[in-house]
N, C-alpha and C. Protein backbone atom coordinates (compact mmCIF):
# COMPACT_ATOMS: atom_id res chain seq x y z
N UNK A 1 -28.39 233.12 330.56
CA UNK A 1 -27.96 234.49 329.88
C UNK A 1 -26.88 234.21 328.84
N UNK A 2 -26.98 234.88 327.78
CA UNK A 2 -26.01 234.67 326.57
C UNK A 2 -24.79 235.37 326.94
N UNK A 3 -23.70 234.73 326.61
CA UNK A 3 -22.36 235.16 326.80
C UNK A 3 -21.99 236.11 325.63
N UNK A 4 -21.25 237.14 325.77
CA UNK A 4 -20.75 237.95 324.77
C UNK A 4 -19.30 238.07 324.59
N UNK A 5 -18.85 238.26 323.23
CA UNK A 5 -17.39 238.41 323.11
C UNK A 5 -16.98 239.86 323.39
N UNK A 6 -15.74 240.26 323.14
CA UNK A 6 -15.13 241.59 323.41
C UNK A 6 -15.89 242.53 322.47
N UNK A 7 -16.24 242.14 321.35
CA UNK A 7 -16.93 243.16 320.49
C UNK A 7 -18.38 243.50 320.85
N UNK A 8 -18.88 242.62 321.92
CA UNK A 8 -20.26 242.97 322.38
C UNK A 8 -21.43 242.06 321.72
N UNK A 9 -20.96 241.19 320.74
CA UNK A 9 -21.82 240.35 320.06
C UNK A 9 -22.06 239.06 320.83
N UNK A 10 -23.38 238.60 320.98
CA UNK A 10 -23.56 237.47 321.73
C UNK A 10 -23.02 236.23 321.09
N UNK A 11 -22.71 235.12 321.74
CA UNK A 11 -22.14 234.01 321.18
C UNK A 11 -23.41 233.37 320.43
N UNK A 12 -24.62 233.45 320.74
CA UNK A 12 -25.69 232.92 320.06
C UNK A 12 -25.78 233.53 318.51
N UNK A 13 -25.60 234.87 318.60
CA UNK A 13 -25.51 235.64 317.35
C UNK A 13 -24.58 235.14 316.44
N UNK A 14 -23.24 234.89 316.94
CA UNK A 14 -22.10 234.57 316.16
C UNK A 14 -22.16 233.22 315.64
N UNK A 15 -23.04 232.27 316.11
CA UNK A 15 -23.33 231.03 315.71
C UNK A 15 -24.43 230.83 314.62
N UNK A 16 -25.09 231.88 314.38
CA UNK A 16 -26.39 231.76 313.55
C UNK A 16 -25.90 231.46 312.22
N UNK A 17 -24.84 231.88 311.52
CA UNK A 17 -24.49 231.61 310.20
C UNK A 17 -24.19 230.09 310.20
N UNK A 18 -23.41 229.52 311.12
CA UNK A 18 -23.04 228.06 311.28
C UNK A 18 -24.40 227.24 311.36
N UNK A 19 -25.38 227.72 312.05
CA UNK A 19 -26.59 227.06 312.25
C UNK A 19 -27.34 226.85 311.00
N UNK A 20 -27.39 228.10 310.28
CA UNK A 20 -28.10 228.10 308.99
C UNK A 20 -27.32 227.04 307.98
N UNK A 21 -26.08 227.19 307.98
CA UNK A 21 -25.27 226.28 307.03
C UNK A 21 -25.56 224.90 307.38
N UNK A 22 -25.65 224.57 308.61
CA UNK A 22 -25.78 223.20 309.08
C UNK A 22 -27.28 222.76 308.76
N UNK A 23 -28.19 223.57 308.82
CA UNK A 23 -29.60 223.38 308.63
C UNK A 23 -29.67 223.19 307.05
N UNK A 24 -29.30 223.89 306.15
CA UNK A 24 -29.31 223.74 304.81
C UNK A 24 -28.59 222.51 304.47
N UNK A 25 -27.47 222.05 304.93
CA UNK A 25 -26.80 220.85 304.59
C UNK A 25 -27.71 219.73 304.89
N UNK A 26 -28.38 219.76 306.14
CA UNK A 26 -29.08 218.63 306.53
C UNK A 26 -30.29 218.53 305.83
N UNK A 27 -31.09 219.67 305.52
CA UNK A 27 -32.34 219.59 304.62
C UNK A 27 -31.93 219.25 303.33
N UNK A 28 -30.98 219.60 302.71
CA UNK A 28 -30.57 219.27 301.38
C UNK A 28 -30.28 217.68 301.22
N UNK A 29 -29.56 217.16 302.14
CA UNK A 29 -29.21 215.78 302.06
C UNK A 29 -30.28 214.79 302.59
N UNK A 30 -31.02 215.10 303.64
CA UNK A 30 -31.84 214.17 304.27
C UNK A 30 -33.41 214.59 303.90
N UNK A 31 -33.65 215.88 303.54
CA UNK A 31 -35.09 216.25 303.40
C UNK A 31 -35.57 216.78 304.60
N UNK A 32 -36.42 217.76 304.52
CA UNK A 32 -36.80 218.45 305.62
C UNK A 32 -37.51 217.54 306.80
N UNK A 33 -38.40 216.66 306.35
CA UNK A 33 -39.24 215.96 307.19
C UNK A 33 -38.37 214.87 307.97
N UNK A 34 -37.29 214.35 307.31
CA UNK A 34 -36.39 213.42 307.99
C UNK A 34 -35.26 213.96 308.93
N UNK A 35 -35.07 215.35 308.59
CA UNK A 35 -34.05 215.93 309.58
C UNK A 35 -34.55 216.27 310.92
N UNK A 36 -33.79 216.05 311.94
CA UNK A 36 -34.32 216.29 313.28
C UNK A 36 -33.47 217.62 313.87
N UNK A 37 -34.00 218.20 314.79
CA UNK A 37 -33.21 219.31 315.49
C UNK A 37 -31.75 218.81 316.08
N UNK A 38 -31.95 217.55 316.45
CA UNK A 38 -30.55 216.94 316.93
C UNK A 38 -29.60 216.85 315.85
N UNK A 39 -30.00 216.43 314.68
CA UNK A 39 -29.16 216.33 313.48
C UNK A 39 -28.47 217.71 313.14
N UNK A 40 -29.35 218.76 313.28
CA UNK A 40 -28.79 220.16 312.83
C UNK A 40 -27.83 220.73 313.89
N UNK A 41 -28.32 220.74 315.19
CA UNK A 41 -27.39 221.36 316.27
C UNK A 41 -26.14 220.46 316.46
N UNK A 42 -26.29 219.20 316.26
CA UNK A 42 -25.17 218.28 316.61
C UNK A 42 -23.94 218.67 315.54
N UNK A 43 -24.22 219.14 314.41
CA UNK A 43 -23.29 219.37 313.39
C UNK A 43 -22.60 220.62 313.60
N UNK A 44 -23.02 221.46 314.65
CA UNK A 44 -22.34 222.78 315.03
C UNK A 44 -22.04 222.71 316.43
N UNK A 45 -22.23 221.53 317.08
CA UNK A 45 -21.63 221.43 318.57
C UNK A 45 -22.59 222.20 319.50
N UNK A 46 -23.91 222.25 319.22
CA UNK A 46 -24.88 222.89 320.11
C UNK A 46 -25.84 221.94 320.76
N UNK A 47 -26.34 222.26 321.84
CA UNK A 47 -27.39 221.46 322.40
C UNK A 47 -28.75 221.77 321.80
N UNK A 48 -29.48 220.72 321.64
CA UNK A 48 -30.85 220.84 320.90
C UNK A 48 -31.62 222.08 321.40
N UNK A 49 -31.65 222.44 322.68
CA UNK A 49 -32.39 223.67 323.21
C UNK A 49 -31.87 224.92 322.75
N UNK A 50 -30.65 224.80 322.30
CA UNK A 50 -29.95 226.01 321.92
C UNK A 50 -30.64 226.73 320.58
N UNK A 51 -31.18 225.75 319.75
CA UNK A 51 -31.82 226.35 318.51
C UNK A 51 -32.90 227.23 318.77
N UNK A 52 -33.55 227.26 319.89
CA UNK A 52 -34.79 228.05 320.12
C UNK A 52 -34.29 229.50 320.67
N UNK A 53 -32.97 229.66 320.86
CA UNK A 53 -32.52 231.02 321.07
C UNK A 53 -32.68 231.81 319.72
N UNK A 54 -32.69 231.04 318.66
CA UNK A 54 -32.82 231.75 317.29
C UNK A 54 -34.09 231.60 316.56
N UNK A 55 -34.70 230.38 316.75
CA UNK A 55 -35.86 230.03 315.95
C UNK A 55 -36.90 229.37 316.79
N UNK A 56 -38.18 229.68 316.72
CA UNK A 56 -39.12 229.03 317.61
C UNK A 56 -39.44 227.58 317.07
N UNK A 57 -39.06 227.16 315.94
CA UNK A 57 -39.45 225.92 315.46
C UNK A 57 -38.57 225.38 314.33
N UNK A 58 -38.51 224.26 313.95
CA UNK A 58 -37.73 223.63 312.77
C UNK A 58 -38.27 224.40 311.52
N UNK A 59 -39.61 224.51 311.47
CA UNK A 59 -40.21 225.22 310.37
C UNK A 59 -39.82 226.60 310.06
N UNK A 60 -39.50 227.45 311.13
CA UNK A 60 -39.01 228.73 311.13
C UNK A 60 -37.64 228.79 310.64
N UNK A 61 -36.87 227.74 311.16
CA UNK A 61 -35.51 227.66 310.63
C UNK A 61 -35.37 227.22 309.12
N UNK A 62 -36.37 226.34 308.53
CA UNK A 62 -36.46 226.23 307.16
C UNK A 62 -36.83 227.53 306.43
N UNK A 63 -37.58 228.27 306.86
CA UNK A 63 -37.93 229.52 306.21
C UNK A 63 -36.82 230.27 305.99
N UNK A 64 -35.76 230.50 307.11
CA UNK A 64 -34.62 231.32 307.06
C UNK A 64 -33.71 230.70 306.05
N UNK A 65 -33.59 229.40 306.12
CA UNK A 65 -32.57 228.76 305.01
C UNK A 65 -33.28 229.02 303.57
N UNK A 66 -34.51 228.81 303.41
CA UNK A 66 -35.06 228.97 302.12
C UNK A 66 -34.87 230.63 301.66
N UNK A 67 -35.05 231.40 302.59
CA UNK A 67 -34.88 232.89 302.34
C UNK A 67 -33.54 233.31 301.86
N UNK A 68 -32.50 232.65 302.62
CA UNK A 68 -31.07 232.71 302.22
C UNK A 68 -30.81 232.20 300.87
N UNK A 69 -31.43 230.96 300.56
CA UNK A 69 -31.19 230.43 299.12
C UNK A 69 -31.80 231.26 298.13
N UNK A 70 -32.91 231.82 298.22
CA UNK A 70 -33.64 232.61 297.33
C UNK A 70 -32.81 233.95 297.20
N UNK A 71 -32.42 234.39 298.22
CA UNK A 71 -31.44 235.79 298.09
C UNK A 71 -30.32 235.58 297.36
N UNK A 72 -29.68 234.46 297.56
CA UNK A 72 -28.38 234.12 296.76
C UNK A 72 -28.70 234.04 295.36
N UNK A 73 -29.67 233.25 294.95
CA UNK A 73 -30.08 233.11 293.50
C UNK A 73 -30.54 234.48 292.98
N UNK A 74 -31.22 235.31 293.69
CA UNK A 74 -31.81 236.50 293.09
C UNK A 74 -30.66 237.45 292.95
N UNK A 75 -29.66 237.47 294.00
CA UNK A 75 -28.53 238.52 293.77
C UNK A 75 -27.85 238.04 292.44
N UNK A 76 -27.60 236.92 292.34
CA UNK A 76 -26.75 236.43 291.13
C UNK A 76 -27.58 236.83 289.84
N UNK A 77 -28.88 236.66 289.87
CA UNK A 77 -29.65 237.01 288.64
C UNK A 77 -29.51 238.58 288.49
N UNK A 78 -29.71 239.35 289.59
CA UNK A 78 -29.62 240.87 289.44
C UNK A 78 -28.35 241.27 288.86
N UNK A 79 -27.28 240.69 289.28
CA UNK A 79 -25.89 241.13 288.85
C UNK A 79 -25.69 240.83 287.42
N UNK A 80 -26.26 239.61 286.97
CA UNK A 80 -26.20 239.22 285.60
C UNK A 80 -27.07 240.37 284.54
N UNK A 81 -28.17 240.36 284.97
CA UNK A 81 -29.08 241.17 284.09
C UNK A 81 -28.66 242.73 284.14
N UNK A 82 -27.92 243.11 285.05
CA UNK A 82 -27.57 244.54 284.94
C UNK A 82 -26.53 244.99 284.11
N UNK A 83 -25.97 243.85 283.35
CA UNK A 83 -24.89 244.19 282.25
C UNK A 83 -25.47 244.13 280.98
N UNK A 84 -26.85 244.06 280.83
CA UNK A 84 -27.39 244.08 279.52
C UNK A 84 -28.64 244.95 279.63
N UNK A 85 -28.93 245.38 278.27
CA UNK A 85 -30.21 246.24 278.07
C UNK A 85 -31.25 245.68 277.14
N UNK A 86 -30.82 244.79 276.27
CA UNK A 86 -31.71 244.21 275.27
C UNK A 86 -32.55 243.10 276.11
N UNK A 87 -33.87 243.16 276.00
CA UNK A 87 -34.70 242.30 276.79
C UNK A 87 -34.39 240.80 276.58
N UNK A 88 -33.98 240.35 275.45
CA UNK A 88 -33.67 238.84 275.07
C UNK A 88 -32.49 238.64 275.96
N UNK A 89 -31.55 239.49 275.79
CA UNK A 89 -30.15 239.31 276.43
C UNK A 89 -30.36 239.31 277.96
N UNK A 90 -31.19 240.27 278.50
CA UNK A 90 -31.29 240.12 279.89
C UNK A 90 -32.06 238.72 280.41
N UNK A 91 -33.11 238.41 279.59
CA UNK A 91 -33.63 237.09 279.94
C UNK A 91 -32.59 236.04 279.83
N UNK A 92 -31.99 235.90 278.95
CA UNK A 92 -30.85 234.81 278.77
C UNK A 92 -29.99 234.86 279.86
N UNK A 93 -29.56 236.16 280.26
CA UNK A 93 -28.50 236.22 281.25
C UNK A 93 -29.09 235.80 282.68
N UNK A 94 -30.42 236.06 282.76
CA UNK A 94 -31.15 235.58 284.02
C UNK A 94 -31.15 234.05 284.11
N UNK A 95 -31.41 233.40 282.97
CA UNK A 95 -31.54 232.04 282.97
C UNK A 95 -30.14 231.30 283.30
N UNK A 96 -29.10 231.92 282.72
CA UNK A 96 -27.73 231.42 282.88
C UNK A 96 -27.24 231.43 284.42
N UNK A 97 -27.67 232.75 284.94
CA UNK A 97 -27.41 232.93 286.35
C UNK A 97 -28.06 232.02 287.33
N UNK A 98 -29.49 231.70 286.98
CA UNK A 98 -30.15 230.88 287.93
C UNK A 98 -29.61 229.55 287.70
N UNK A 99 -29.39 228.99 286.57
CA UNK A 99 -28.80 227.67 286.52
C UNK A 99 -27.46 227.52 287.05
N UNK A 100 -26.60 228.54 286.93
CA UNK A 100 -25.30 228.48 287.61
C UNK A 100 -25.35 228.38 289.03
N UNK A 101 -26.45 229.12 289.62
CA UNK A 101 -26.64 228.98 290.99
C UNK A 101 -27.10 227.61 291.51
N UNK A 102 -27.94 226.95 290.71
CA UNK A 102 -28.49 225.68 291.06
C UNK A 102 -27.35 224.54 290.90
N UNK A 103 -26.30 224.80 290.06
CA UNK A 103 -25.34 223.86 289.77
C UNK A 103 -23.94 224.09 290.51
N UNK A 104 -23.97 225.07 291.46
CA UNK A 104 -22.73 225.30 292.22
C UNK A 104 -22.69 224.45 293.52
N UNK A 105 -23.53 223.45 293.53
CA UNK A 105 -23.65 222.35 294.62
C UNK A 105 -23.95 223.17 295.99
N UNK A 106 -24.53 224.29 296.08
CA UNK A 106 -24.97 224.92 297.26
C UNK A 106 -26.12 224.16 297.85
N UNK A 107 -26.08 223.98 299.13
CA UNK A 107 -27.07 223.17 299.84
C UNK A 107 -28.41 224.10 299.87
N UNK A 108 -28.23 225.45 299.86
CA UNK A 108 -29.23 226.27 299.87
C UNK A 108 -30.05 226.36 298.69
N UNK A 109 -29.36 226.29 297.49
CA UNK A 109 -30.16 226.31 296.29
C UNK A 109 -30.84 224.96 296.21
N UNK A 110 -30.24 223.95 296.66
CA UNK A 110 -31.02 222.48 296.62
C UNK A 110 -32.28 222.55 297.45
N UNK A 111 -32.28 223.32 298.62
CA UNK A 111 -33.34 223.43 299.48
C UNK A 111 -34.55 224.14 298.64
N UNK A 112 -34.05 225.28 298.10
CA UNK A 112 -35.10 226.16 297.22
C UNK A 112 -35.79 225.26 296.19
N UNK A 113 -35.13 224.37 295.41
CA UNK A 113 -35.55 223.55 294.45
C UNK A 113 -36.36 222.37 294.99
N UNK A 114 -35.89 221.77 296.09
CA UNK A 114 -36.43 220.47 296.41
C UNK A 114 -37.56 220.60 297.39
N UNK A 115 -37.70 221.67 298.21
CA UNK A 115 -38.72 221.87 299.09
C UNK A 115 -39.98 222.57 298.47
N UNK A 116 -41.02 222.00 298.43
CA UNK A 116 -42.22 222.60 298.05
C UNK A 116 -43.03 223.30 299.07
N UNK A 117 -43.60 224.42 298.86
CA UNK A 117 -44.37 225.01 300.06
C UNK A 117 -45.49 224.00 300.69
N UNK A 118 -46.06 223.34 299.76
CA UNK A 118 -47.12 222.32 300.24
C UNK A 118 -46.42 221.25 301.00
N UNK A 119 -45.18 220.96 301.01
CA UNK A 119 -44.63 219.92 301.76
C UNK A 119 -44.53 220.27 303.36
N UNK A 120 -44.65 221.59 303.60
CA UNK A 120 -44.57 222.07 305.03
C UNK A 120 -45.59 222.88 305.37
N UNK A 121 -46.84 222.40 305.65
CA UNK A 121 -47.99 223.25 305.87
C UNK A 121 -47.96 224.32 306.89
N UNK A 122 -46.94 224.18 307.73
CA UNK A 122 -46.86 225.13 309.02
C UNK A 122 -46.11 226.37 308.45
N UNK A 123 -45.45 226.25 307.33
CA UNK A 123 -44.56 227.24 306.63
C UNK A 123 -44.99 227.50 305.40
N UNK A 124 -46.04 226.95 304.88
CA UNK A 124 -46.32 227.06 303.41
C UNK A 124 -46.53 228.51 302.89
N UNK A 125 -47.10 229.34 303.74
CA UNK A 125 -47.45 230.78 303.37
C UNK A 125 -46.09 231.50 303.15
N UNK A 126 -45.27 231.33 304.01
CA UNK A 126 -43.94 232.12 303.96
C UNK A 126 -43.13 231.59 302.91
N UNK A 127 -43.04 230.23 302.64
CA UNK A 127 -42.15 229.76 301.57
C UNK A 127 -42.84 230.03 300.20
N UNK A 128 -44.19 230.01 300.11
CA UNK A 128 -44.75 230.46 298.81
C UNK A 128 -44.50 231.87 298.54
N UNK A 129 -44.41 232.81 299.50
CA UNK A 129 -44.24 234.13 299.31
C UNK A 129 -42.95 234.41 298.92
N UNK A 130 -41.91 233.62 299.52
CA UNK A 130 -40.45 233.81 298.96
C UNK A 130 -40.32 233.38 297.48
N UNK A 131 -40.88 232.15 297.14
CA UNK A 131 -40.81 231.72 295.93
C UNK A 131 -41.52 232.59 294.95
N UNK A 132 -42.75 233.04 295.20
CA UNK A 132 -43.33 233.94 294.23
C UNK A 132 -42.72 235.13 294.04
N UNK A 133 -42.03 235.69 295.14
CA UNK A 133 -41.31 237.02 295.05
C UNK A 133 -40.27 236.80 293.85
N UNK A 134 -39.53 235.73 293.96
CA UNK A 134 -38.41 235.46 293.00
C UNK A 134 -38.93 235.21 291.69
N UNK A 135 -39.96 234.52 291.55
CA UNK A 135 -40.61 234.18 290.22
C UNK A 135 -41.22 235.34 289.56
N UNK A 136 -41.60 236.32 290.31
CA UNK A 136 -42.11 237.57 289.76
C UNK A 136 -41.05 238.34 289.07
N UNK A 137 -39.84 238.12 289.47
CA UNK A 137 -38.63 238.70 288.56
C UNK A 137 -38.55 238.07 287.31
N UNK A 138 -38.63 236.76 287.30
CA UNK A 138 -38.68 236.08 285.90
C UNK A 138 -39.88 236.43 285.16
N UNK A 139 -40.93 236.60 285.78
CA UNK A 139 -42.21 237.06 285.02
C UNK A 139 -42.00 238.32 284.31
N UNK A 140 -41.40 239.31 285.12
CA UNK A 140 -41.18 240.69 284.57
C UNK A 140 -40.18 240.65 283.42
N UNK A 141 -39.27 239.85 283.47
CA UNK A 141 -38.30 239.78 282.29
C UNK A 141 -38.98 239.16 281.05
N UNK A 142 -39.77 238.21 281.35
CA UNK A 142 -40.63 237.55 280.27
C UNK A 142 -41.45 238.64 279.62
N UNK A 143 -42.15 239.46 280.34
CA UNK A 143 -43.19 240.38 279.94
C UNK A 143 -42.38 241.38 279.13
N UNK A 144 -41.27 241.59 279.30
CA UNK A 144 -40.52 242.71 278.58
C UNK A 144 -40.11 242.15 277.29
N UNK A 145 -40.20 240.93 277.03
CA UNK A 145 -39.77 240.34 275.66
C UNK A 145 -40.83 240.89 274.49
N UNK A 146 -40.15 241.17 273.32
CA UNK A 146 -40.94 241.78 272.26
C UNK A 146 -42.27 240.95 271.84
N UNK A 147 -42.29 239.64 271.95
CA UNK A 147 -43.39 238.76 271.58
C UNK A 147 -44.16 238.34 272.68
N UNK A 148 -43.85 238.87 273.92
CA UNK A 148 -44.51 238.26 275.24
C UNK A 148 -46.04 238.50 275.25
N UNK A 149 -46.49 239.62 274.65
CA UNK A 149 -47.90 239.75 274.75
C UNK A 149 -48.86 238.84 274.07
N UNK A 150 -48.26 238.03 273.15
CA UNK A 150 -48.98 236.89 272.51
C UNK A 150 -48.88 235.70 273.11
N UNK A 151 -48.41 235.52 274.45
CA UNK A 151 -48.24 234.29 275.17
C UNK A 151 -48.76 234.32 276.49
N UNK A 152 -49.09 233.25 277.01
CA UNK A 152 -49.46 233.10 278.48
C UNK A 152 -48.27 233.10 279.31
N UNK A 153 -47.95 234.11 279.92
CA UNK A 153 -46.80 234.31 280.58
C UNK A 153 -46.47 233.47 281.74
N UNK A 154 -47.59 233.11 282.41
CA UNK A 154 -47.48 232.21 283.57
C UNK A 154 -47.04 230.83 283.03
N UNK A 155 -47.72 230.22 281.97
CA UNK A 155 -47.26 229.00 281.43
C UNK A 155 -45.85 229.02 280.99
N UNK A 156 -45.34 230.10 280.10
CA UNK A 156 -43.94 230.12 279.82
C UNK A 156 -43.05 230.13 281.05
N UNK A 157 -43.31 231.04 281.91
CA UNK A 157 -42.56 231.12 283.12
C UNK A 157 -42.31 229.75 283.89
N UNK A 158 -43.60 229.08 284.01
CA UNK A 158 -43.31 227.64 284.66
C UNK A 158 -42.52 226.56 283.69
N UNK A 159 -42.77 226.89 282.45
CA UNK A 159 -41.98 226.00 281.55
C UNK A 159 -40.37 226.12 281.70
N UNK A 160 -40.06 227.45 281.59
CA UNK A 160 -38.65 227.62 281.57
C UNK A 160 -38.02 227.31 282.99
N UNK A 161 -38.73 227.68 284.10
CA UNK A 161 -38.16 227.30 285.44
C UNK A 161 -38.28 225.98 285.54
N UNK A 162 -39.20 225.30 285.05
CA UNK A 162 -39.20 223.68 285.30
C UNK A 162 -38.07 223.06 284.49
N UNK A 163 -37.71 223.52 283.25
CA UNK A 163 -36.71 223.04 282.70
C UNK A 163 -35.23 223.39 283.33
N UNK A 164 -35.13 224.56 283.90
CA UNK A 164 -33.88 224.91 284.53
C UNK A 164 -33.66 224.23 285.95
N UNK A 165 -34.73 224.07 286.67
CA UNK A 165 -34.86 223.48 288.09
C UNK A 165 -34.61 221.84 287.90
N UNK A 166 -35.00 221.31 286.88
CA UNK A 166 -34.80 219.97 286.56
C UNK A 166 -33.33 219.53 286.05
N UNK A 167 -32.68 220.56 285.52
CA UNK A 167 -31.44 220.16 285.02
C UNK A 167 -30.50 219.55 285.94
N UNK A 168 -30.37 219.98 287.38
CA UNK A 168 -29.52 219.36 288.14
C UNK A 168 -29.56 217.98 288.34
N UNK A 169 -30.75 217.39 288.06
CA UNK A 169 -31.05 216.03 288.17
C UNK A 169 -30.28 215.13 287.09
N UNK A 170 -30.02 215.74 285.90
CA UNK A 170 -29.52 214.93 284.90
C UNK A 170 -27.98 215.50 284.46
N UNK A 171 -27.78 216.64 284.98
CA UNK A 171 -26.56 217.24 284.54
C UNK A 171 -25.21 216.44 284.87
N UNK A 172 -24.36 216.39 284.02
CA UNK A 172 -23.12 215.83 284.19
C UNK A 172 -22.03 216.73 283.62
N UNK A 173 -21.06 217.21 284.65
CA UNK A 173 -20.10 218.12 284.19
C UNK A 173 -19.14 217.52 283.08
N UNK A 174 -18.81 218.46 282.25
CA UNK A 174 -17.99 217.94 280.99
C UNK A 174 -18.57 217.82 279.71
N UNK A 175 -19.98 217.58 279.64
CA UNK A 175 -20.69 217.49 278.32
C UNK A 175 -21.23 218.84 277.99
N UNK A 176 -21.87 219.63 278.82
CA UNK A 176 -22.21 220.96 278.39
C UNK A 176 -22.01 221.84 279.65
N UNK A 177 -21.89 223.07 279.45
CA UNK A 177 -21.86 223.91 280.53
C UNK A 177 -23.15 224.45 280.88
N UNK A 178 -23.32 224.96 282.14
CA UNK A 178 -24.62 225.64 282.50
C UNK A 178 -24.98 226.76 281.45
N UNK A 179 -23.99 227.52 280.99
CA UNK A 179 -24.39 228.57 280.09
C UNK A 179 -24.91 228.05 278.79
N UNK A 180 -24.29 226.95 278.32
CA UNK A 180 -24.78 226.32 276.99
C UNK A 180 -26.21 225.76 277.11
N UNK A 181 -26.39 225.23 278.36
CA UNK A 181 -27.69 224.57 278.52
C UNK A 181 -28.88 225.66 278.64
N UNK A 182 -28.59 226.56 279.51
CA UNK A 182 -29.52 227.63 279.66
C UNK A 182 -29.76 228.58 278.28
N UNK A 183 -28.60 228.72 277.64
CA UNK A 183 -28.82 229.49 276.41
C UNK A 183 -29.73 228.63 275.28
N UNK A 184 -29.50 227.35 275.54
CA UNK A 184 -30.21 226.47 274.62
C UNK A 184 -31.76 226.56 274.83
N UNK A 185 -32.16 226.43 276.13
CA UNK A 185 -33.52 226.56 276.60
C UNK A 185 -33.95 227.92 275.98
N UNK A 186 -33.31 229.16 276.14
CA UNK A 186 -33.75 230.23 275.74
C UNK A 186 -33.94 230.49 274.23
N UNK A 187 -32.98 229.83 273.51
CA UNK A 187 -33.15 229.80 271.98
C UNK A 187 -34.27 229.11 271.66
N UNK A 188 -34.79 227.92 272.18
CA UNK A 188 -35.72 227.24 271.68
C UNK A 188 -37.09 228.02 272.03
N UNK A 189 -37.14 228.70 273.16
CA UNK A 189 -38.16 229.50 273.47
C UNK A 189 -38.31 230.77 272.53
N UNK A 190 -37.26 231.29 272.20
CA UNK A 190 -37.20 232.58 271.48
C UNK A 190 -37.67 232.19 270.05
N UNK A 191 -37.29 231.00 269.43
CA UNK A 191 -37.69 230.56 268.11
C UNK A 191 -39.25 230.38 268.12
N UNK A 192 -39.72 229.67 269.21
CA UNK A 192 -41.03 229.38 269.26
C UNK A 192 -42.02 230.77 269.40
N UNK A 193 -41.52 231.63 270.10
CA UNK A 193 -42.33 232.81 270.37
C UNK A 193 -42.24 233.79 269.12
N UNK A 194 -41.10 233.88 268.49
CA UNK A 194 -40.93 234.77 267.34
C UNK A 194 -41.57 234.18 266.02
N UNK A 195 -41.48 232.82 265.97
CA UNK A 195 -42.20 232.17 264.90
C UNK A 195 -43.73 232.35 264.91
N UNK A 196 -44.23 232.32 266.11
CA UNK A 196 -45.65 232.52 266.23
C UNK A 196 -46.16 233.92 265.88
N UNK A 197 -45.43 234.89 266.22
CA UNK A 197 -45.66 236.17 266.00
C UNK A 197 -45.63 236.50 264.32
N UNK A 198 -44.45 235.78 263.89
CA UNK A 198 -44.38 236.06 262.37
C UNK A 198 -45.54 235.38 261.51
N UNK A 199 -46.00 234.32 262.08
CA UNK A 199 -47.14 233.56 261.25
C UNK A 199 -48.37 234.31 261.29
N UNK A 200 -48.51 235.44 262.20
CA UNK A 200 -49.93 235.97 262.21
C UNK A 200 -49.89 237.19 261.23
C-alpha cells in the first residue's frame, strides 16, 4: 500500500518527477539500451520494483521522458513565435528557440534528439507520434512562408531540422551563439527559396 503525506498525495506520486529526471539523465548519458532499471531507480534511492508503480516497462518510461522533452521544446517554440506576425520572423524565431532548447544541456532534449523511434521497436509508434506531432508545427511554419509552395516542404523540413539537431555535436560556446547559428541557417534557406522564385 502506498503511503501518503499530509496533503493526501502518495509518496509514489511525489517521486515521479525525480524518476523522470533520473531516467532522462541515464538515457542521455548511457543510451537507452545500455541503461538498466537499477541504474535509474538507484539514482533516486528506489528499489527496482518501485518503478512499476509508475510504468509497466522501461520502454514506457522512455516514452514519458521523450514526451516531456518534446513538450519543453514545443513550449519554447510556441512562446517564441507568439511574439511575431511575419512568416519569416516566426520561422526564424522557431529555429532559434529549437536550437536554444537543444543547447541548454537538458537531458530531456538530448534524449529527443539521440533516440530514434526505430531504436526501440516496443515503443516506436508512440515515439514516432510524438516526434511527428512536433515536426508538424515546423511544417506548418514552413508552409506559411511566401515561397513555400514552390518547394518540397518535407525535404526542407528535414534539412533544417537535421542542421539544427546536429549543431550540438560540434557547437563550442564562445564562437557563435545559438541565435546567430539558427539565424544563419534560416538566412541561407531564405536566399535559396526567394532566389528560386525570382528566377521563374
